[in-house]
């Protein structure tokens, strides 16, 4: 099992490699056990669905999971890719911060 994840639901990330390189989006869901995440508008796939009680069938376009190693946090100050570190604030909270600008990422 890998160490502590640095990405959470709601974080703004940028794709650093692959078909969607350069696209930015918000993390919708993280699969911690598989080191993958679903990012809004990134790695889109088409699924052919059969009609059923929940709705009509057809071709549905949705996000597929992308590996966390292909993602980087977006620096809140500069809008560029950045690495993430941890630090403890004066009030005792442990927060994540962008190493590029030292800006706190956690809300």
PDB file of N, CA and C in Angstrom:
ATOM      1  N   UNK A   1       0.843  -1.184   0.000  1.00  0.00           N
ATOM      2  CA  UNK A   1       0.000   0.000   0.000  1.00  0.00           C
ATOM      3  C   UNK A   1       0.886   1.245   0.000  1.00  0.00           C
ATOM      4  N   UNK A   2       0.461   2.232  -0.731  1.00  0.00           N
ATOM      5  CA  UNK A   2       1.222   3.470  -0.841  1.00  0.00           C
ATOM      6  C   UNK A   2       1.074   4.307   0.430  1.00  0.00           C
ATOM      7  N   UNK A   3       1.849   5.375   0.505  1.00  0.00           N
ATOM      8  CA  UNK A   3       1.802   6.265   1.659  1.00  0.00           C
ATOM      9  C   UNK A   3       0.579   7.161   1.618  1.00  0.00           C
ATOM     10  N   UNK A   4       0.633   8.233   2.385  1.00  0.00           N
ATOM     11  CA  UNK A   4      -0.482   9.163   2.475  1.00  0.00           C
ATOM     12  C   UNK A   4      -0.688   9.890   1.148  1.00  0.00           C
ATOM     13  N   UNK A   5      -1.938   9.979   0.722  1.00  0.00           N
ATOM     14  CA  UNK A   5      -2.262  10.666  -0.521  1.00  0.00           C
ATOM     15  C   UNK A   5      -2.208  12.175  -0.316  1.00  0.00           C
ATOM     16  N   UNK A   6      -1.736  12.884  -1.333  1.00  0.00           N
ATOM     17  CA  UNK A   6      -1.657  14.334  -1.251  1.00  0.00           C
ATOM     18  C   UNK A   6      -2.796  14.999  -2.004  1.00  0.00           C
ATOM     19  N   UNK A   7      -3.662  14.205  -2.657  1.00  0.00           N
ATOM     20  CA  UNK A   7      -4.774  14.762  -3.422  1.00  0.00           C
ATOM     21  C   UNK A   7      -6.093  14.348  -2.792  1.00  0.00           C
ATOM     22  N   UNK A   8      -7.018  15.305  -2.769  1.00  0.00           N
ATOM     23  CA  UNK A   8      -8.330  15.063  -2.173  1.00  0.00           C
ATOM     24  C   UNK A   8      -9.413  15.539  -3.128  1.00  0.00           C
ATOM     25  N   UNK A   9     -10.622  15.115  -2.848  1.00  0.00           N
ATOM     26  CA  UNK A   9     -11.776  15.570  -3.614  1.00  0.00           C
ATOM     27  C   UNK A   9     -11.877  17.093  -3.509  1.00  0.00           C
ATOM     28  N   UNK A  10     -12.094  17.745  -4.659  1.00  0.00           N
ATOM     29  CA  UNK A  10     -12.244  19.190  -4.676  1.00  0.00           C
ATOM     30  C   UNK A  10     -10.972  19.941  -5.028  1.00  0.00           C
ATOM     31  N   UNK A  11      -9.829  19.260  -5.065  1.00  0.00           N
ATOM     32  CA  UNK A  11      -8.565  19.924  -5.417  1.00  0.00           C
ATOM     33  C   UNK A  11      -8.529  20.255  -6.906  1.00  0.00           C
ATOM     34  N   UNK A  12      -7.894  21.382  -7.250  1.00  0.00           N
ATOM     35  CA  UNK A  12      -7.665  21.729  -8.662  1.00  0.00           C
ATOM     36  C   UNK A  12      -6.348  21.114  -9.094  1.00  0.00           C
ATOM     37  N   UNK A  13      -6.389  20.339 -10.191  1.00  0.00           N
ATOM     38  CA  UNK A  13      -5.193  19.666 -10.678  1.00  0.00           C
ATOM     39  C   UNK A  13      -5.006  19.929 -12.163  1.00  0.00           C
ATOM     40  N   UNK A  14      -3.790  19.646 -12.645  1.00  0.00           N
ATOM     41  CA  UNK A  14      -3.463  19.744 -14.061  1.00  0.00           C
ATOM     42  C   UNK A  14      -2.874  18.404 -14.479  1.00  0.00           C
ATOM     43  N   UNK A  15      -3.194  17.977 -15.705  1.00  0.00           N
ATOM     44  CA  UNK A  15      -2.656  16.732 -16.239  1.00  0.00           C
ATOM     45  C   UNK A  15      -1.272  17.029 -16.799  1.00  0.00           C
ATOM     46  N   UNK A  16      -0.267  16.273 -16.349  1.00  0.00           N
ATOM     47  CA  UNK A  16       1.105  16.563 -16.757  1.00  0.00           C
ATOM     48  C   UNK A  16       1.618  15.635 -17.845  1.00  0.00           C
ATOM     49  N   UNK A  17       0.912  14.563 -18.153  1.00  0.00           N
ATOM     50  CA  UNK A  17       1.335  13.665 -19.221  1.00  0.00           C
ATOM     51  C   UNK A  17       0.136  12.895 -19.758  1.00  0.00           C
ATOM     52  N   UNK A  18       0.248  12.435 -20.991  1.00  0.00           N
ATOM     53  CA  UNK A  18      -0.810  11.634 -21.591  1.00  0.00           C
ATOM     54  C   UNK A  18      -1.628  12.410 -22.598  1.00  0.00           C
ATOM     55  N   UNK A  19      -2.725  11.802 -23.015  1.00  0.00           N
ATOM     56  CA  UNK A  19      -3.589  12.342 -24.063  1.00  0.00           C
ATOM     57  C   UNK A  19      -4.166  13.707 -23.710  1.00  0.00           C
ATOM     58  N   UNK A  20      -4.458  13.932 -22.451  1.00  0.00           N
ATOM     59  CA  UNK A  20      -5.094  15.174 -22.009  1.00  0.00           C
ATOM     60  C   UNK A  20      -4.104  16.134 -21.344  1.00  0.00           C
ATOM     61  N   UNK A  21      -2.830  16.060 -21.710  1.00  0.00           N
ATOM     62  CA  UNK A  21      -1.797  16.891 -21.100  1.00  0.00           C
ATOM     63  C   UNK A  21      -2.163  18.370 -21.211  1.00  0.00           C
ATOM     64  N   UNK A  22      -2.053  19.089 -20.077  1.00  0.00           N
ATOM     65  CA  UNK A  22      -2.333  20.516 -20.045  1.00  0.00           C
ATOM     66  C   UNK A  22      -3.732  20.868 -19.582  1.00  0.00           C
ATOM     67  N   UNK A  23      -4.653  19.902 -19.583  1.00  0.00           N
ATOM     68  CA  UNK A  23      -6.018  20.191 -19.138  1.00  0.00           C
ATOM     69  C   UNK A  23      -6.061  20.318 -17.619  1.00  0.00           C
ATOM     70  N   UNK A  24      -6.910  21.226 -17.150  1.00  0.00           N
ATOM     71  CA  UNK A  24      -7.102  21.418 -15.713  1.00  0.00           C
ATOM     72  C   UNK A  24      -8.523  21.029 -15.342  1.00  0.00           C
ATOM     73  N   UNK A  25      -8.710  20.611 -14.113  1.00  0.00           N
ATOM     74  CA  UNK A  25     -10.039  20.260 -13.636  1.00  0.00           C
ATOM     75  C   UNK A  25     -10.029  20.050 -12.140  1.00  0.00           C
ATOM     76  N   UNK A  26     -11.205  19.770 -11.631  1.00  0.00           N
ATOM     77  CA  UNK A  26     -11.388  19.537 -10.199  1.00  0.00           C
ATOM     78  C   UNK A  26     -11.565  18.044  -9.965  1.00  0.00           C
ATOM     79  N   UNK A  27     -10.962  17.533  -8.909  1.00  0.00           N
ATOM     80  CA  UNK A  27     -11.090  16.113  -8.590  1.00  0.00           C
ATOM     81  C   UNK A  27     -12.501  15.844  -8.085  1.00  0.00           C
ATOM     82  N   UNK A  28     -13.180  14.894  -8.746  1.00  0.00           N
ATOM     83  CA  UNK A  28     -14.535  14.522  -8.365  1.00  0.00           C
ATOM     84  C   UNK A  28     -14.542  13.388  -7.351  1.00  0.00           C
ATOM     85  N   UNK A  29     -13.601  12.451  -7.499  1.00  0.00           N
ATOM     86  CA  UNK A  29     -13.561  11.273  -6.629  1.00  0.00           C
ATOM     87  C   UNK A  29     -12.152  10.694  -6.660  1.00  0.00           C
ATOM     88  N   UNK A  30     -11.682  10.161  -5.524  1.00  0.00           N
ATOM     89  CA  UNK A  30     -10.362   9.546  -5.447  1.00  0.00           C
ATOM     90  C   UNK A  30     -10.524   8.083  -5.063  1.00  0.00           C
ATOM     91  N   UNK A  31      -9.854   7.203  -5.819  1.00  0.00           N
ATOM     92  CA  UNK A  31      -9.807   5.779  -5.484  1.00  0.00           C
ATOM     93  C   UNK A  31      -8.449   5.518  -4.835  1.00  0.00           C
ATOM     94  N   UNK A  32      -8.391   5.617  -3.517  1.00  0.00           N
ATOM     95  CA  UNK A  32      -7.120   5.572  -2.797  1.00  0.00           C
ATOM     96  C   UNK A  32      -6.436   4.214  -2.933  1.00  0.00           C
ATOM     97  N   UNK A  33      -7.210   3.134  -2.945  1.00  0.00           N
ATOM     98  CA  UNK A  33      -6.606   1.809  -3.008  1.00  0.00           C
ATOM     99  C   UNK A  33      -5.990   1.510  -4.375  1.00  0.00           C
ATOM    100  N   UNK A  34      -6.399   2.245  -5.414  1.00  0.00           N
ATOM    101  CA  UNK A  34      -5.866   2.031  -6.765  1.00  0.00           C
ATOM    102  C   UNK A  34      -5.011   3.202  -7.256  1.00  0.00           C
ATOM    103  N   UNK A  35      -4.812   4.228  -6.409  1.00  0.00           N
ATOM    104  CA  UNK A  35      -4.031   5.419  -6.763  1.00  0.00           C
ATOM    105  C   UNK A  35      -4.556   6.098  -8.019  1.00  0.00           C
ATOM    106  N   UNK A  36      -5.853   6.241  -8.118  1.00  0.00           N
ATOM    107  CA  UNK A  36      -6.477   6.856  -9.281  1.00  0.00           C
ATOM    108  C   UNK A  36      -7.493   7.892  -8.833  1.00  0.00           C
ATOM    109  N   UNK A  37      -7.838   8.804  -9.752  1.00  0.00           N
ATOM    110  CA  UNK A  37      -8.815   9.851  -9.450  1.00  0.00           C
ATOM    111  C   UNK A  37      -9.644  10.140 -10.691  1.00  0.00           C
ATOM    112  N   UNK A  38     -10.858  10.623 -10.469  1.00  0.00           N
ATOM    113  CA  UNK A  38     -11.726  11.097 -11.538  1.00  0.00           C
ATOM    114  C   UNK A  38     -11.640  12.618 -11.537  1.00  0.00           C
ATOM    115  N   UNK A  39     -11.270  13.207 -12.690  1.00  0.00           N
ATOM    116  CA  UNK A  39     -11.097  14.648 -12.797  1.00  0.00           C
ATOM    117  C   UNK A  39     -12.128  15.183 -13.784  1.00  0.00           C
ATOM    118  N   UNK A  40     -12.791  16.263 -13.414  1.00  0.00           N
ATOM    119  CA  UNK A  40     -13.860  16.846 -14.216  1.00  0.00           C
ATOM    120  C   UNK A  40     -13.340  17.275 -15.593  1.00  0.00           C
ATOM    121  N   UNK A  41     -13.917  16.700 -16.663  1.00  0.00           N
ATOM    122  CA  UNK A  41     -13.582  17.062 -18.033  1.00  0.00           C
ATOM    123  C   UNK A  41     -12.296  16.464 -18.569  1.00  0.00           C
ATOM    124  N   UNK A  42     -11.700  15.536 -17.839  1.00  0.00           N
ATOM    125  CA  UNK A  42     -10.429  14.937 -18.253  1.00  0.00           C
ATOM    126  C   UNK A  42     -10.610  13.434 -18.442  1.00  0.00           C
ATOM    127  N   UNK A  43      -9.946  12.860 -19.454  1.00  0.00           N
ATOM    128  CA  UNK A  43      -9.985  11.430 -19.743  1.00  0.00           C
ATOM    129  C   UNK A  43     -11.414  10.961 -20.013  1.00  0.00           C
ATOM    130  N   UNK A  44     -12.094  11.676 -20.917  1.00  0.00           N
ATOM    131  CA  UNK A  44     -13.490  11.380 -21.232  1.00  0.00           C
ATOM    132  C   UNK A  44     -13.590  10.117 -22.088  1.00  0.00           C
ATOM    133  N   UNK A  45     -14.585   9.260 -21.757  1.00  0.00           N
ATOM    134  CA  UNK A  45     -14.850   8.047 -22.521  1.00  0.00           C
ATOM    135  C   UNK A  45     -16.330   7.999 -22.858  1.00  0.00           C
ATOM    136  N   UNK A  46     -16.674   7.185 -23.857  1.00  0.00           N
ATOM    137  CA  UNK A  46     -18.072   7.016 -24.242  1.00  0.00           C
ATOM    138  C   UNK A  46     -18.533   5.632 -23.803  1.00  0.00           C
ATOM    139  N   UNK A  47     -19.689   5.554 -23.176  1.00  0.00           N
ATOM    140  CA  UNK A  47     -20.276   4.304 -22.744  1.00  0.00           C
ATOM    141  C   UNK A  47     -21.626   4.136 -23.424  1.00  0.00           C
ATOM    142  N   UNK A  48     -21.838   2.962 -24.033  1.00  0.00           N
ATOM    143  CA  UNK A  48     -23.122   2.654 -24.655  1.00  0.00           C
ATOM    144  C   UNK A  48     -23.995   2.019 -23.586  1.00  0.00           C
ATOM    145  N   UNK A  49     -25.096   2.669 -23.227  1.00  0.00           N
ATOM    146  CA  UNK A  49     -25.951   2.181 -22.146  1.00  0.00           C
ATOM    147  C   UNK A  49     -27.291   1.704 -22.693  1.00  0.00           C
ATOM    148  N   UNK A  50     -27.791   0.684 -22.080  1.00  0.00           N
ATOM    149  CA  UNK A  50     -29.083   0.098 -22.450  1.00  0.00           C
ATOM    150  C   UNK A  50     -30.189   0.854 -21.725  1.00  0.00           C
ATOM    151  N   UNK A  51     -31.335   1.048 -22.392  1.00  0.00           N
ATOM    152  CA  UNK A  51     -32.441   1.721 -21.697  1.00  0.00           C
ATOM    153  C   UNK A  51     -32.922   0.896 -20.512  1.00  0.00           C
ATOM    154  N   UNK A  52     -33.290   1.573 -19.458  1.00  0.00           N
ATOM    155  CA  UNK A  52     -33.765   0.885 -18.264  1.00  0.00           C
ATOM    156  C   UNK A  52     -34.673   1.796 -17.474  1.00  0.00           C
ATOM    157  N   UNK A  53     -35.049   1.337 -16.289  1.00  0.00           N
ATOM    158  CA  UNK A  53     -35.961   2.144 -15.470  1.00  0.00           C
ATOM    159  C   UNK A  53     -35.366   3.489 -15.046  1.00  0.00           C
ATOM    160  N   UNK A  54     -34.031   3.592 -14.967  1.00  0.00           N
ATOM    161  CA  UNK A  54     -33.412   4.843 -14.536  1.00  0.00           C
ATOM    162  C   UNK A  54     -33.301   5.869 -15.641  1.00  0.00           C
ATOM    163  N   UNK A  55     -33.569   5.489 -16.880  1.00  0.00           N
ATOM    164  CA  UNK A  55     -33.509   6.472 -17.955  1.00  0.00           C
ATOM    165  C   UNK A  55     -33.369   5.825 -19.315  1.00  0.00           C
ATOM    166  N   UNK A  56     -33.349   6.681 -20.330  1.00  0.00           N
ATOM    167  CA  UNK A  56     -33.219   6.201 -21.694  1.00  0.00           C
ATOM    168  C   UNK A  56     -31.781   5.780 -21.957  1.00  0.00           C
ATOM    169  N   UNK A  57     -31.628   4.904 -22.908  1.00  0.00           N
ATOM    170  CA  UNK A  57     -30.297   4.448 -23.285  1.00  0.00           C
ATOM    171  C   UNK A  57     -29.647   5.413 -24.250  1.00  0.00           C
ATOM    172  N   UNK A  58     -28.485   5.060 -24.714  1.00  0.00           N
ATOM    173  CA  UNK A  58     -27.772   5.886 -25.667  1.00  0.00           C
ATOM    174  C   UNK A  58     -26.293   5.918 -25.349  1.00  0.00           C
ATOM    175  N   UNK A  59     -25.589   6.815 -25.974  1.00  0.00           N
ATOM    176  CA  UNK A  59     -24.159   6.948 -25.753  1.00  0.00           C
ATOM    177  C   UNK A  59     -23.927   8.043 -24.718  1.00  0.00           C
ATOM    178  N   UNK A  60     -23.347   7.665 -23.601  1.00  0.00           N
ATOM    179  CA  UNK A  60     -23.098   8.592 -22.497  1.00  0.00           C
ATOM    180  C   UNK A  60     -21.604   8.874 -22.426  1.00  0.00           C
ATOM    181  N   UNK A  61     -21.237  10.143 -22.346  1.00  0.00           N
ATOM    182  CA  UNK A  61     -19.830  10.510 -22.212  1.00  0.00           C
ATOM    183  C   UNK A  61     -19.571  10.867 -20.752  1.00  0.00           C
ATOM    184  N   UNK A  62     -18.548  10.225 -20.176  1.00  0.00           N
ATOM    185  CA  UNK A  62     -18.230  10.483 -18.770  1.00  0.00           C
ATOM    186  C   UNK A  62     -16.738  10.362 -18.539  1.00  0.00           C
ATOM    187  N   UNK A  63     -16.305  10.773 -17.332  1.00  0.00           N
ATOM    188  CA  UNK A  63     -14.895  10.751 -16.985  1.00  0.00           C
ATOM    189  C   UNK A  63     -14.470   9.340 -16.590  1.00  0.00           C
ATOM    190  N   UNK A  64     -13.253   8.968 -16.980  1.00  0.00           N
ATOM    191  CA  UNK A  64     -12.651   7.718 -16.529  1.00  0.00           C
ATOM    192  C   UNK A  64     -11.551   8.062 -15.528  1.00  0.00           C
ATOM    193  N   UNK A  65     -11.151   7.067 -14.751  1.00  0.00           N
ATOM    194  CA  UNK A  65     -10.117   7.291 -13.740  1.00  0.00           C
ATOM    195  C   UNK A  65      -8.770   7.517 -14.410  1.00  0.00           C
ATOM    196  N   UNK A  66      -7.963   8.373 -13.808  1.00  0.00           N
ATOM    197  CA  UNK A  66      -6.615   8.657 -14.290  1.00  0.00           C
ATOM    198  C   UNK A  66      -5.661   8.473 -13.116  1.00  0.00           C
ATOM    199  N   UNK A  67      -4.465   7.962 -13.394  1.00  0.00           N
ATOM    200  CA  UNK A  67      -3.513   7.667 -12.325  1.00  0.00           C
ATOM    201  C   UNK A  67      -3.003   8.962 -11.693  1.00  0.00           C
ATOM    202  N   UNK A  68      -2.815   8.928 -10.383  1.00  0.00           N
ATOM    203  CA  UNK A  68      -2.399  10.119  -9.645  1.00  0.00           C
ATOM    204  C   UNK A  68      -1.020  10.617 -10.066  1.00  0.00           C
ATOM    205  N   UNK A  69      -0.177   9.726 -10.580  1.00  0.00           N
ATOM    206  CA  UNK A  69       1.160  10.149 -11.006  1.00  0.00           C
ATOM    207  C   UNK A  69       1.102  11.018 -12.256  1.00  0.00           C
ATOM    208  N   UNK A  70      -0.019  11.029 -12.954  1.00  0.00           N
ATOM    209  CA  UNK A  70      -0.183  11.861 -14.148  1.00  0.00           C
ATOM    210  C   UNK A  70      -0.808  13.213 -13.826  1.00  0.00           C
ATOM    211  N   UNK A  71      -1.014  13.490 -12.549  1.00  0.00           N
ATOM    212  CA  UNK A  71      -1.647  14.734 -12.115  1.00  0.00           C
ATOM    213  C   UNK A  71      -0.706  15.532 -11.224  1.00  0.00           C
ATOM    214  N   UNK A  72      -0.858  16.847 -11.254  1.00  0.00           N
ATOM    215  CA  UNK A  72      -0.124  17.730 -10.344  1.00  0.00           C
ATOM    216  C   UNK A  72      -1.086  18.794  -9.847  1.00  0.00           C
ATOM    217  N   UNK A  73      -0.881  19.239  -8.618  1.00  0.00           N
ATOM    218  CA  UNK A  73      -1.714  20.315  -8.070  1.00  0.00           C
ATOM    219  C   UNK A  73      -1.473  21.606  -8.846  1.00  0.00           C
ATOM    220  N   UNK A  74      -2.502  22.440  -8.902  1.00  0.00           N
ATOM    221  CA  UNK A  74      -2.379  23.764  -9.511  1.00  0.00           C
ATOM    222  C   UNK A  74      -2.135  24.752  -8.378  1.00  0.00           C
ATOM    223  N   UNK A  75      -1.068  25.527  -8.522  1.00  0.00           N
ATOM    224  CA  UNK A  75      -0.731  26.527  -7.514  1.00  0.00           C
ATOM    225  C   UNK A  75      -1.819  27.594  -7.480  1.00  0.00           C
ATOM    226  N   UNK A  76      -2.394  27.883  -6.303  1.00  0.00           N
ATOM    227  CA  UNK A  76      -3.475  28.871  -6.221  1.00  0.00           C
ATOM    228  C   UNK A  76      -3.045  30.276  -6.633  1.00  0.00           C
ATOM    229  N   UNK A  77      -1.765  30.590  -6.498  1.00  0.00           N
ATOM    230  CA  UNK A  77      -1.290  31.933  -6.789  1.00  0.00           C
ATOM    231  C   UNK A  77      -0.874  32.106  -8.252  1.00  0.00           C
ATOM    232  N   UNK A  78      -0.148  31.118  -8.814  1.00  0.00           N
ATOM    233  CA  UNK A  78       0.424  31.268 -10.155  1.00  0.00           C
ATOM    234  C   UNK A  78      -0.278  30.459 -11.232  1.00  0.00           C
ATOM    235  N   UNK A  79      -1.207  29.582 -10.888  1.00  0.00           N
ATOM    236  CA  UNK A  79      -1.919  28.702 -11.832  1.00  0.00           C
ATOM    237  C   UNK A  79      -0.973  27.798 -12.618  1.00  0.00           C
ATOM    238  N   UNK A  80       0.149  27.411 -12.023  1.00  0.00           N
ATOM    239  CA  UNK A  80       1.072  26.471 -12.638  1.00  0.00           C
ATOM    240  C   UNK A  80       1.135  25.208 -11.784  1.00  0.00           C
ATOM    241  N   UNK A  81       1.685  24.131 -12.362  1.00  0.00           N
ATOM    242  CA  UNK A  81       1.827  22.884 -11.619  1.00  0.00           C
ATOM    243  C   UNK A  81       2.806  23.084 -10.467  1.00  0.00           C
ATOM    244  N   UNK A  82       2.503  22.444  -9.345  1.00  0.00           N
ATOM    245  CA  UNK A  82       3.361  22.566  -8.169  1.00  0.00           C
ATOM    246  C   UNK A  82       3.364  21.264  -7.396  1.00  0.00           C
ATOM    247  N   UNK A  83       4.394  21.095  -6.588  1.00  0.00           N
ATOM    248  CA  UNK A  83       4.429  19.969  -5.672  1.00  0.00           C
ATOM    249  C   UNK A  83       3.782  20.401  -4.361  1.00  0.00           C
ATOM    250  N   UNK A  84       3.510  19.411  -3.513  1.00  0.00           N
ATOM    251  CA  UNK A  84       2.777  19.682  -2.278  1.00  0.00           C
ATOM    252  C   UNK A  84       3.605  19.232  -1.092  1.00  0.00           C
ATOM    253  N   UNK A  85       3.593  20.045  -0.047  1.00  0.00           N
ATOM    254  CA  UNK A  85       4.243  19.687   1.202  1.00  0.00           C
ATOM    255  C   UNK A  85       3.263  19.820   2.354  1.00  0.00           C
ATOM    256  N   UNK A  86       3.682  19.374   3.522  1.00  0.00           N
ATOM    257  CA  UNK A  86       2.856  19.476   4.718  1.00  0.00           C
ATOM    258  C   UNK A  86       3.570  20.355   5.727  1.00  0.00           C
ATOM    259  N   UNK A  87       2.803  21.156   6.463  1.00  0.00           N
ATOM    260  CA  UNK A  87       3.370  21.927   7.563  1.00  0.00           C
ATOM    261  C   UNK A  87       2.314  22.085   8.644  1.00  0.00           C
ATOM    262  N   UNK A  88       2.783  22.367   9.853  1.00  0.00           N
ATOM    263  CA  UNK A  88       1.888  22.555  10.994  1.00  0.00           C
ATOM    264  C   UNK A  88       1.801  24.055  11.273  1.00  0.00           C
ATOM    265  N   UNK A  89       0.573  24.560  11.318  1.00  0.00           N
ATOM    266  CA  UNK A  89       0.358  25.983  11.582  1.00  0.00           C
ATOM    267  C   UNK A  89       0.496  26.283  13.072  1.00  0.00           C
ATOM    268  N   UNK A  90       0.462  27.559  13.417  1.00  0.00           N
ATOM    269  CA  UNK A  90       0.600  27.979  14.816  1.00  0.00           C
ATOM    270  C   UNK A  90      -0.535  27.451  15.687  1.00  0.00           C
ATOM    271  N   UNK A  91      -1.722  27.298  15.101  1.00  0.00           N
ATOM    272  CA  UNK A  91      -2.865  26.807  15.885  1.00  0.00           C
ATOM    273  C   UNK A  91      -2.883  25.286  15.998  1.00  0.00           C
ATOM    274  N   UNK A  92      -1.868  24.592  15.454  1.00  0.00           N
ATOM    275  CA  UNK A  92      -1.759  23.147  15.614  1.00  0.00           C
ATOM    276  C   UNK A  92      -2.324  22.330  14.473  1.00  0.00           C
ATOM    277  N   UNK A  93      -2.921  22.986  13.464  1.00  0.00           N
ATOM    278  CA  UNK A  93      -3.479  22.239  12.336  1.00  0.00           C
ATOM    279  C   UNK A  93      -2.374  21.851  11.362  1.00  0.00           C
ATOM    280  N   UNK A  94      -2.455  20.616  10.834  1.00  0.00           N
ATOM    281  CA  UNK A  94      -1.533  20.162   9.802  1.00  0.00           C
ATOM    282  C   UNK A  94      -2.205  20.414   8.454  1.00  0.00           C
ATOM    283  N   UNK A  95      -1.560  21.204   7.598  1.00  0.00           N
ATOM    284  CA  UNK A  95      -2.161  21.594   6.323  1.00  0.00           C
ATOM    285  C   UNK A  95      -1.197  21.289   5.172  1.00  0.00           C
ATOM    286  N   UNK A  96      -1.757  21.227   3.974  1.00  0.00           N
ATOM    287  CA  UNK A  96      -0.957  21.069   2.764  1.00  0.00           C
ATOM    288  C   UNK A  96      -0.645  22.457   2.200  1.00  0.00           C
ATOM    289  N   UNK A  97       0.538  22.606   1.613  1.00  0.00           N
ATOM    290  CA  UNK A  97       0.881  23.889   1.002  1.00  0.00           C
ATOM    291  C   UNK A  97       1.584  23.651  -0.327  1.00  0.00           C
ATOM    292  N   UNK A  98       1.456  24.630  -1.232  1.00  0.00           N
ATOM    293  CA  UNK A  98       2.101  24.569  -2.536  1.00  0.00           C
ATOM    294  C   UNK A  98       3.554  24.965  -2.380  1.00  0.00           C
ATOM    295  N   UNK A  99       4.456  24.122  -2.834  1.00  0.00           N
ATOM    296  CA  UNK A  99       5.884  24.403  -2.667  1.00  0.00           C
ATOM    297  C   UNK A  99       6.348  25.545  -3.569  1.00  0.00           C
ATOM    298  N   UNK A 100       5.650  25.797  -4.664  1.00  0.00           N
ATOM    299  CA  UNK A 100       6.056  26.854  -5.591  1.00  0.00           C
ATOM    300  C   UNK A 100       5.888  28.240  -4.965  1.00  0.00           C
ATOM    301  N   UNK A 101       4.750  28.457  -4.258  1.00  0.00           N
ATOM    302  CA  UNK A 101       4.475  29.787  -3.729  1.00  0.00           C
ATOM    303  C   UNK A 101       4.287  29.814  -2.210  1.00  0.00           C
ATOM    304  N   UNK A 102       4.392  28.665  -1.553  1.00  0.00           N
ATOM    305  CA  UNK A 102       4.166  28.534  -0.109  1.00  0.00           C
ATOM    306  C   UNK A 102       2.746  28.896   0.310  1.00  0.00           C
ATOM    307  N   UNK A 103       1.823  28.888  -0.634  1.00  0.00           N
ATOM    308  CA  UNK A 103       0.416  29.178  -0.366  1.00  0.00           C
ATOM    309  C   UNK A 103      -0.264  27.933   0.213  1.00  0.00           C
ATOM    310  N   UNK A 104      -1.112  28.103   1.233  1.00  0.00           N
ATOM    311  CA  UNK A 104      -1.821  26.971   1.845  1.00  0.00           C
ATOM    312  C   UNK A 104      -2.925  26.504   0.899  1.00  0.00           C
ATOM    313  N   UNK A 105      -2.973  25.189   0.641  1.00  0.00           N
ATOM    314  CA  UNK A 105      -3.978  24.609  -0.267  1.00  0.00           C
ATOM    315  C   UNK A 105      -5.259  24.270   0.481  1.00  0.00           C
ATOM    316  N   UNK A 106      -5.119  23.722   1.689  1.00  0.00           N
ATOM    317  CA  UNK A 106      -6.309  23.321   2.464  1.00  0.00           C
ATOM    318  C   UNK A 106      -7.131  24.545   2.843  1.00  0.00           C
ATOM    319  N   UNK A 107      -8.453  24.331   2.900  1.00  0.00           N
ATOM    320  CA  UNK A 107      -9.340  25.419   3.259  1.00  0.00           C
ATOM    321  C   UNK A 107      -9.423  25.579   4.746  1.00  0.00           C
TER     322      UNK A 107
END
